[in-house]
Amino acid sequence: MPIHEYLCRSCGETSEIWQGVGTRKDPLECKQCGGRNLERVLSPSHPVKNVRPAGATCCGREERCAKPPCSSGGGCRKG
């Protein structure tokens, strides 16, 4: 069931509301003030952070270290 975010025009708070696709039984209410003047907010997608390209090392070197764990196929460790 998708979670949608709504901005309350009465109090300015944002509420997350679970809604089934194509269903809306009761009028939506703000979780903070109970107001019904809500506007749906489009949430940004969540990018994956700290992703290195395949074969890249964490320390920024282009070549793998001569000692484990890099040389054995494990992840690079700084230091």
PDB file of N, CA and C in Angstrom:
ATOM      1  N   MET A   1       0.851  -1.167   0.000  1.00  0.00           N
ATOM      2  CA  MET A   1       0.000   0.000   0.000  1.00  0.00           C
ATOM      3  C   MET A   1       0.902   1.236   0.000  1.00  0.00           C
ATOM      4  N   PRO A   2       0.717   2.137  -0.947  1.00  0.00           N
ATOM      5  CA  PRO A   2       1.586   3.312  -1.057  1.00  0.00           C
ATOM      6  C   PRO A   2       1.383   4.316   0.081  1.00  0.00           C
ATOM      7  N   ILE A   3       2.454   5.001   0.394  1.00  0.00           N
ATOM      8  CA  ILE A   3       2.414   6.099   1.364  1.00  0.00           C
ATOM      9  C   ILE A   3       2.465   7.394   0.562  1.00  0.00           C
ATOM     10  N   HIS A   4       1.535   8.291   0.838  1.00  0.00           N
ATOM     11  CA  HIS A   4       1.515   9.597   0.165  1.00  0.00           C
ATOM     12  C   HIS A   4       1.733  10.676   1.215  1.00  0.00           C
ATOM     13  N   GLU A   5       2.404  11.740   0.817  1.00  0.00           N
ATOM     14  CA  GLU A   5       2.622  12.881   1.699  1.00  0.00           C
ATOM     15  C   GLU A   5       1.652  13.988   1.323  1.00  0.00           C
ATOM     16  N   TYR A   6       1.083  14.613   2.334  1.00  0.00           N
ATOM     17  CA  TYR A   6       0.155  15.720   2.129  1.00  0.00           C
ATOM     18  C   TYR A   6       0.566  16.893   3.000  1.00  0.00           C
ATOM     19  N   LEU A   7       0.497  18.086   2.429  1.00  0.00           N
ATOM     20  CA  LEU A   7       0.762  19.333   3.151  1.00  0.00           C
ATOM     21  C   LEU A   7      -0.562  19.911   3.590  1.00  0.00           C
ATOM     22  N   CYS A   8      -0.673  20.188   4.880  1.00  0.00           N
ATOM     23  CA  CYS A   8      -1.893  20.789   5.417  1.00  0.00           C
ATOM     24  C   CYS A   8      -1.823  22.296   5.208  1.00  0.00           C
ATOM     25  N   ARG A   9      -2.804  22.848   4.510  1.00  0.00           N
ATOM     26  CA  ARG A   9      -2.860  24.291   4.264  1.00  0.00           C
ATOM     27  C   ARG A   9      -3.309  25.057   5.507  1.00  0.00           C
ATOM     28  N   SER A  10      -3.834  24.354   6.512  1.00  0.00           N
ATOM     29  CA  SER A  10      -4.276  25.023   7.736  1.00  0.00           C
ATOM     30  C   SER A  10      -3.124  25.264   8.703  1.00  0.00           C
ATOM     31  N   CYS A  11      -2.287  24.208   8.931  1.00  0.00           N
ATOM     32  CA  CYS A  11      -1.221  24.347   9.933  1.00  0.00           C
ATOM     33  C   CYS A  11       0.184  24.278   9.347  1.00  0.00           C
ATOM     34  N   GLY A  12       0.314  23.882   8.062  1.00  0.00           N
ATOM     35  CA  GLY A  12       1.619  23.837   7.424  1.00  0.00           C
ATOM     36  C   GLY A  12       2.406  22.554   7.651  1.00  0.00           C
ATOM     37  N   GLU A  13       1.852  21.616   8.405  1.00  0.00           N
ATOM     38  CA  GLU A  13       2.538  20.359   8.665  1.00  0.00           C
ATOM     39  C   GLU A  13       2.360  19.386   7.504  1.00  0.00           C
ATOM     40  N   THR A  14       3.325  18.478   7.352  1.00  0.00           N
ATOM     41  CA  THR A  14       3.246  17.434   6.335  1.00  0.00           C
ATOM     42  C   THR A  14       2.900  16.125   7.017  1.00  0.00           C
ATOM     43  N   SER A  15       1.942  15.403   6.454  1.00  0.00           N
ATOM     44  CA  SER A  15       1.517  14.116   6.998  1.00  0.00           C
ATOM     45  C   SER A  15       1.730  13.031   5.965  1.00  0.00           C
ATOM     46  N   GLU A  16       2.156  11.851   6.433  1.00  0.00           N
ATOM     47  CA  GLU A  16       2.250  10.679   5.573  1.00  0.00           C
ATOM     48  C   GLU A  16       0.998   9.850   5.784  1.00  0.00           C
ATOM     49  N   ILE A  17       0.313   9.523   4.702  1.00  0.00           N
ATOM     50  CA  ILE A  17      -0.955   8.797   4.797  1.00  0.00           C
ATOM     51  C   ILE A  17      -0.892   7.579   3.885  1.00  0.00           C
ATOM     52  N   TRP A  18      -1.193   6.396   4.456  1.00  0.00           N
ATOM     53  CA  TRP A  18      -1.250   5.158   3.677  1.00  0.00           C
ATOM     54  C   TRP A  18      -2.551   5.149   2.893  1.00  0.00           C
ATOM     55  N   GLN A  19      -2.459   4.884   1.598  1.00  0.00           N
ATOM     56  CA  GLN A  19      -3.649   4.825   0.754  1.00  0.00           C
ATOM     57  C   GLN A  19      -3.528   3.677  -0.225  1.00  0.00           C
ATOM     58  N   GLY A  20      -4.599   2.915  -0.369  1.00  0.00           N
ATOM     59  CA  GLY A  20      -4.640   1.895  -1.398  1.00  0.00           C
ATOM     60  C   GLY A  20      -4.811   2.565  -2.753  1.00  0.00           C
ATOM     61  N   VAL A  21      -4.360   1.900  -3.790  1.00  0.00           N
ATOM     62  CA  VAL A  21      -4.464   2.453  -5.135  1.00  0.00           C
ATOM     63  C   VAL A  21      -5.929   2.575  -5.528  1.00  0.00           C
ATOM     64  N   GLY A  22      -6.352   3.763  -5.905  1.00  0.00           N
ATOM     65  CA  GLY A  22      -7.723   3.992  -6.355  1.00  0.00           C
ATOM     66  C   GLY A  22      -8.781   3.972  -5.267  1.00  0.00           C
ATOM     67  N   THR A  23      -8.364   3.972  -3.988  1.00  0.00           N
ATOM     68  CA  THR A  23      -9.359   3.965  -2.906  1.00  0.00           C
ATOM     69  C   THR A  23      -9.231   5.222  -2.068  1.00  0.00           C
ATOM     70  N   ARG A  24     -10.346   5.797  -1.733  1.00  0.00           N
ATOM     71  CA  ARG A  24     -10.376   6.942  -0.835  1.00  0.00           C
ATOM     72  C   ARG A  24     -11.751   6.932  -0.177  1.00  0.00           C
ATOM     73  N   LYS A  25     -11.864   6.225   0.942  1.00  0.00           N
ATOM     74  CA  LYS A  25     -13.152   6.061   1.604  1.00  0.00           C
ATOM     75  C   LYS A  25     -13.569   7.328   2.354  1.00  0.00           C
ATOM     76  N   ASP A  26     -12.726   7.768   3.254  1.00  0.00           N
ATOM     77  CA  ASP A  26     -13.046   8.929   4.082  1.00  0.00           C
ATOM     78  C   ASP A  26     -12.238  10.131   3.607  1.00  0.00           C
ATOM     79  N   PRO A  27     -12.737  11.336   3.866  1.00  0.00           N
ATOM     80  CA  PRO A  27     -11.938  12.524   3.542  1.00  0.00           C
ATOM     81  C   PRO A  27     -10.623  12.487   4.329  1.00  0.00           C
ATOM     82  N   LEU A  28      -9.548  12.918   3.715  1.00  0.00           N
ATOM     83  CA  LEU A  28      -8.249  12.924   4.383  1.00  0.00           C
ATOM     84  C   LEU A  28      -8.204  14.026   5.428  1.00  0.00           C
ATOM     85  N   GLU A  29      -7.538  13.724   6.546  1.00  0.00           N
ATOM     86  CA  GLU A  29      -7.393  14.699   7.622  1.00  0.00           C
ATOM     87  C   GLU A  29      -5.933  14.815   8.016  1.00  0.00           C
ATOM     88  N   CYS A  30      -5.524  16.024   8.356  1.00  0.00           N
ATOM     89  CA  CYS A  30      -4.178  16.276   8.857  1.00  0.00           C
ATOM     90  C   CYS A  30      -4.016  15.565  10.201  1.00  0.00           C
ATOM     91  N   LYS A  31      -2.900  14.891  10.384  1.00  0.00           N
ATOM     92  CA  LYS A  31      -2.645  14.182  11.636  1.00  0.00           C
ATOM     93  C   LYS A  31      -2.347  15.140  12.790  1.00  0.00           C
ATOM     94  N   GLN A  32      -1.939  16.374  12.468  1.00  0.00           N
ATOM     95  CA  GLN A  32      -1.596  17.352  13.507  1.00  0.00           C
ATOM     96  C   GLN A  32      -2.804  18.142  14.005  1.00  0.00           C
ATOM     97  N   CYS A  33      -3.574  18.699  13.062  1.00  0.00           N
ATOM     98  CA  CYS A  33      -4.650  19.610  13.476  1.00  0.00           C
ATOM     99  C   CYS A  33      -6.046  19.125  13.101  1.00  0.00           C
ATOM    100  N   GLY A  34      -6.134  18.036  12.316  1.00  0.00           N
ATOM    101  CA  GLY A  34      -7.439  17.530  11.904  1.00  0.00           C
ATOM    102  C   GLY A  34      -8.032  18.265  10.716  1.00  0.00           C
ATOM    103  N   GLY A  35      -7.290  19.228  10.161  1.00  0.00           N
ATOM    104  CA  GLY A  35      -7.772  19.986   9.011  1.00  0.00           C
ATOM    105  C   GLY A  35      -7.925  19.106   7.778  1.00  0.00           C
ATOM    106  N   ARG A  36      -8.807  19.518   6.882  1.00  0.00           N
ATOM    107  CA  ARG A  36      -9.070  18.744   5.670  1.00  0.00           C
ATOM    108  C   ARG A  36      -8.616  19.440   4.400  1.00  0.00           C
ATOM    109  N   ASN A  37      -7.930  20.566   4.549  1.00  0.00           N
ATOM    110  CA  ASN A  37      -7.422  21.295   3.396  1.00  0.00           C
ATOM    111  C   ASN A  37      -5.999  20.813   3.098  1.00  0.00           C
ATOM    112  N   LEU A  38      -5.897  19.607   2.484  1.00  0.00           N
ATOM    113  CA  LEU A  38      -4.605  18.982   2.234  1.00  0.00           C
ATOM    114  C   LEU A  38      -4.255  19.011   0.754  1.00  0.00           C
ATOM    115  N   GLU A  39      -2.965  19.160   0.494  1.00  0.00           N
ATOM    116  CA  GLU A  39      -2.454  19.154  -0.867  1.00  0.00           C
ATOM    117  C   GLU A  39      -1.382  18.076  -0.961  1.00  0.00           C
ATOM    118  N   ARG A  40      -1.488  17.210  -1.954  1.00  0.00           N
ATOM    119  CA  ARG A  40      -0.517  16.128  -2.097  1.00  0.00           C
ATOM    120  C   ARG A  40       0.839  16.692  -2.498  1.00  0.00           C
ATOM    121  N   VAL A  41       1.879  16.188  -1.850  1.00  0.00           N
ATOM    122  CA  VAL A  41       3.250  16.611  -2.096  1.00  0.00           C
ATOM    123  C   VAL A  41       3.958  15.474  -2.817  1.00  0.00           C
ATOM    124  N   LEU A  42       4.630  15.785  -3.910  1.00  0.00           N
ATOM    125  CA  LEU A  42       5.404  14.773  -4.616  1.00  0.00           C
ATOM    126  C   LEU A  42       6.768  14.657  -3.953  1.00  0.00           C
ATOM    127  N   SER A  43       7.069  13.480  -3.459  1.00  0.00           N
ATOM    128  CA  SER A  43       8.332  13.243  -2.774  1.00  0.00           C
ATOM    129  C   SER A  43       9.443  12.993  -3.778  1.00  0.00           C
ATOM    130  N   PRO A  44      10.640  13.508  -3.496  1.00  0.00           N
ATOM    131  CA  PRO A  44      11.763  13.220  -4.390  1.00  0.00           C
ATOM    132  C   PRO A  44      12.171  11.764  -4.236  1.00  0.00           C
ATOM    133  N   SER A  45      12.714  11.197  -5.291  1.00  0.00           N
ATOM    134  CA  SER A  45      13.212   9.827  -5.168  1.00  0.00           C
ATOM    135  C   SER A  45      14.448   9.854  -4.284  1.00  0.00           C
ATOM    136  N   HIS A  46      14.750   8.735  -3.682  1.00  0.00           N
ATOM    137  CA  HIS A  46      15.883   8.661  -2.771  1.00  0.00           C
ATOM    138  C   HIS A  46      17.074   8.051  -3.500  1.00  0.00           C
ATOM    139  N   PRO A  47      18.053   8.889  -3.861  1.00  0.00           N
ATOM    140  CA  PRO A  47      19.217   8.351  -4.573  1.00  0.00           C
ATOM    141  C   PRO A  47      20.062   7.489  -3.647  1.00  0.00           C
ATOM    142  N   VAL A  48      20.713   6.524  -4.217  1.00  0.00           N
ATOM    143  CA  VAL A  48      21.618   5.674  -3.450  1.00  0.00           C
ATOM    144  C   VAL A  48      22.908   6.447  -3.279  1.00  0.00           C
ATOM    145  N   LYS A  49      23.385   6.538  -2.039  1.00  0.00           N
ATOM    146  CA  LYS A  49      24.592   7.306  -1.759  1.00  0.00           C
ATOM    147  C   LYS A  49      25.791   6.384  -1.608  1.00  0.00           C
ATOM    148  N   ASN A  50      26.949   6.942  -1.776  1.00  0.00           N
ATOM    149  CA  ASN A  50      28.218   6.250  -1.592  1.00  0.00           C
ATOM    150  C   ASN A  50      28.355   5.020  -2.474  1.00  0.00           C
ATOM    151  N   VAL A  51      27.915   5.124  -3.695  1.00  0.00           N
ATOM    152  CA  VAL A  51      28.054   4.013  -4.629  1.00  0.00           C
ATOM    153  C   VAL A  51      29.290   4.256  -5.477  1.00  0.00           C
ATOM    154  N   ARG A  52      30.175   3.284  -5.492  1.00  0.00           N
ATOM    155  CA  ARG A  52      31.395   3.387  -6.296  1.00  0.00           C
ATOM    156  C   ARG A  52      31.201   2.610  -7.591  1.00  0.00           C
ATOM    157  N   PRO A  53      31.797   3.072  -8.659  1.00  0.00           N
ATOM    158  CA  PRO A  53      31.730   2.304  -9.900  1.00  0.00           C
ATOM    159  C   PRO A  53      32.378   0.937  -9.703  1.00  0.00           C
ATOM    160  N   ALA A  54      31.962  -0.028 -10.488  1.00  0.00           N
ATOM    161  CA  ALA A  54      32.532  -1.374 -10.384  1.00  0.00           C
ATOM    162  C   ALA A  54      34.033  -1.312 -10.553  1.00  0.00           C
ATOM    163  N   GLY A  55      34.762  -1.957  -9.661  1.00  0.00           N
ATOM    164  CA  GLY A  55      36.220  -1.998  -9.736  1.00  0.00           C
ATOM    165  C   GLY A  55      36.905  -0.829  -9.065  1.00  0.00           C
ATOM    166  N   ALA A  56      36.164   0.180  -8.625  1.00  0.00           N
ATOM    167  CA  ALA A  56      36.772   1.335  -7.969  1.00  0.00           C
ATOM    168  C   ALA A  56      37.116   0.986  -6.525  1.00  0.00           C
ATOM    169  N   THR A  57      38.129   1.645  -6.009  1.00  0.00           N
ATOM    170  CA  THR A  57      38.518   1.428  -4.617  1.00  0.00           C
ATOM    171  C   THR A  57      37.956   2.545  -3.756  1.00  0.00           C
ATOM    172  N   CYS A  58      37.805   2.292  -2.460  1.00  0.00           N
ATOM    173  CA  CYS A  58      37.231   3.314  -1.582  1.00  0.00           C
ATOM    174  C   CYS A  58      38.218   4.443  -1.302  1.00  0.00           C
ATOM    175  N   CYS A  59      39.524   4.167  -1.451  1.00  0.00           N
ATOM    176  CA  CYS A  59      40.513   5.197  -1.141  1.00  0.00           C
ATOM    177  C   CYS A  59      40.805   6.104  -2.329  1.00  0.00           C
ATOM    178  N   GLY A  60      40.192   5.796  -3.491  1.00  0.00           N
ATOM    179  CA  GLY A  60      40.359   6.655  -4.650  1.00  0.00           C
ATOM    180  C   GLY A  60      41.463   6.226  -5.597  1.00  0.00           C
ATOM    181  N   ARG A  61      42.244   5.218  -5.222  1.00  0.00           N
ATOM    182  CA  ARG A  61      43.293   4.729  -6.124  1.00  0.00           C
ATOM    183  C   ARG A  61      42.650   4.039  -7.313  1.00  0.00           C
ATOM    184  N   GLU A  62      43.292   4.115  -8.454  1.00  0.00           N
ATOM    185  CA  GLU A  62      42.772   3.439  -9.636  1.00  0.00           C
ATOM    186  C   GLU A  62      43.141   1.960  -9.630  1.00  0.00           C
ATOM    187  N   GLU A  63      44.267   1.623  -9.008  1.00  0.00           N
ATOM    188  CA  GLU A  63      44.705   0.233  -8.941  1.00  0.00           C
ATOM    189  C   GLU A  63      44.448  -0.312  -7.543  1.00  0.00           C
ATOM    190  N   ARG A  64      44.205  -1.593  -7.472  1.00  0.00           N
ATOM    191  CA  ARG A  64      43.982  -2.229  -6.179  1.00  0.00           C
ATOM    192  C   ARG A  64      45.286  -2.261  -5.394  1.00  0.00           C
ATOM    193  N   CYS A  65      45.176  -2.291  -4.083  1.00  0.00           N
ATOM    194  CA  CYS A  65      46.339  -2.379  -3.207  1.00  0.00           C
ATOM    195  C   CYS A  65      47.052  -3.719  -3.417  1.00  0.00           C
ATOM    196  N   ALA A  66      48.325  -3.763  -3.081  1.00  0.00           N
ATOM    197  CA  ALA A  66      49.107  -4.987  -3.250  1.00  0.00           C
ATOM    198  C   ALA A  66      48.839  -5.988  -2.131  1.00  0.00           C
ATOM    199  N   LYS A  67      48.222  -5.543  -1.047  1.00  0.00           N
ATOM    200  CA  LYS A  67      47.971  -6.445   0.075  1.00  0.00           C
ATOM    201  C   LYS A  67      46.472  -6.623   0.267  1.00  0.00           C
ATOM    202  N   PRO A  68      46.033  -7.697   0.913  1.00  0.00           N
ATOM    203  CA  PRO A  68      44.595  -7.898   1.149  1.00  0.00           C
ATOM    204  C   PRO A  68      44.037  -6.738   1.962  1.00  0.00           C
ATOM    205  N   PRO A  69      42.775  -6.413   1.854  1.00  0.00           N
ATOM    206  CA  PRO A  69      41.746  -7.165   1.175  1.00  0.00           C
ATOM    207  C   PRO A  69      41.603  -6.847  -0.309  1.00  0.00           C
ATOM    208  N   CYS A  70      42.193  -5.760  -0.808  1.00  0.00           N
ATOM    209  CA  CYS A  70      41.988  -5.411  -2.221  1.00  0.00           C
ATOM    210  C   CYS A  70      42.517  -6.476  -3.165  1.00  0.00           C
ATOM    211  N   SER A  71      43.710  -6.994  -2.890  1.00  0.00           N
ATOM    212  CA  SER A  71      44.300  -7.951  -3.818  1.00  0.00           C
ATOM    213  C   SER A  71      43.554  -9.284  -3.834  1.00  0.00           C
ATOM    214  N   SER A  72      42.783  -9.555  -2.778  1.00  0.00           N
ATOM    215  CA  SER A  72      42.065 -10.837  -2.731  1.00  0.00           C
ATOM    216  C   SER A  72      40.628 -10.702  -3.228  1.00  0.00           C
ATOM    217  N   GLY A  73      40.264  -9.551  -3.784  1.00  0.00           N
ATOM    218  CA  GLY A  73      38.916  -9.377  -4.313  1.00  0.00           C
ATOM    219  C   GLY A  73      37.959  -8.759  -3.313  1.00  0.00           C
ATOM    220  N   GLY A  74      38.421  -8.484  -2.100  1.00  0.00           N
ATOM    221  CA  GLY A  74      37.563  -7.841  -1.105  1.00  0.00           C
ATOM    222  C   GLY A  74      37.511  -6.349  -1.327  1.00  0.00           C
ATOM    223  N   GLY A  75      36.790  -5.643  -0.493  1.00  0.00           N
ATOM    224  CA  GLY A  75      36.688  -4.201  -0.613  1.00  0.00           C
ATOM    225  C   GLY A  75      37.940  -3.511  -0.122  1.00  0.00           C
ATOM    226  N   CYS A  76      38.263  -2.394  -0.696  1.00  0.00           N
ATOM    227  CA  CYS A  76      39.430  -1.612  -0.302  1.00  0.00           C
ATOM    228  C   CYS A  76      39.191  -1.010   1.077  1.00  0.00           C
ATOM    229  N   ARG A  77      40.222  -0.936   1.861  1.00  0.00           N
ATOM    230  CA  ARG A  77      40.130  -0.289   3.175  1.00  0.00           C
ATOM    231  C   ARG A  77      41.173   0.808   3.250  1.00  0.00           C
ATOM    232  N   LYS A  78      40.763   1.930   3.744  1.00  0.00           N
ATOM    233  CA  LYS A  78      41.712   3.033   3.872  1.00  0.00           C
ATOM    234  C   LYS A  78      42.738   2.688   4.933  1.00  0.00           C
ATOM    235  N   GLY A  79      43.963   3.137   4.717  1.00  0.00           N
ATOM    236  CA  GLY A  79      44.980   2.965   5.739  1.00  0.00           C
ATOM    237  C   GLY A  79      45.914   1.946   5.394  1.00  0.00           C
TER     238      GLY A  79
END
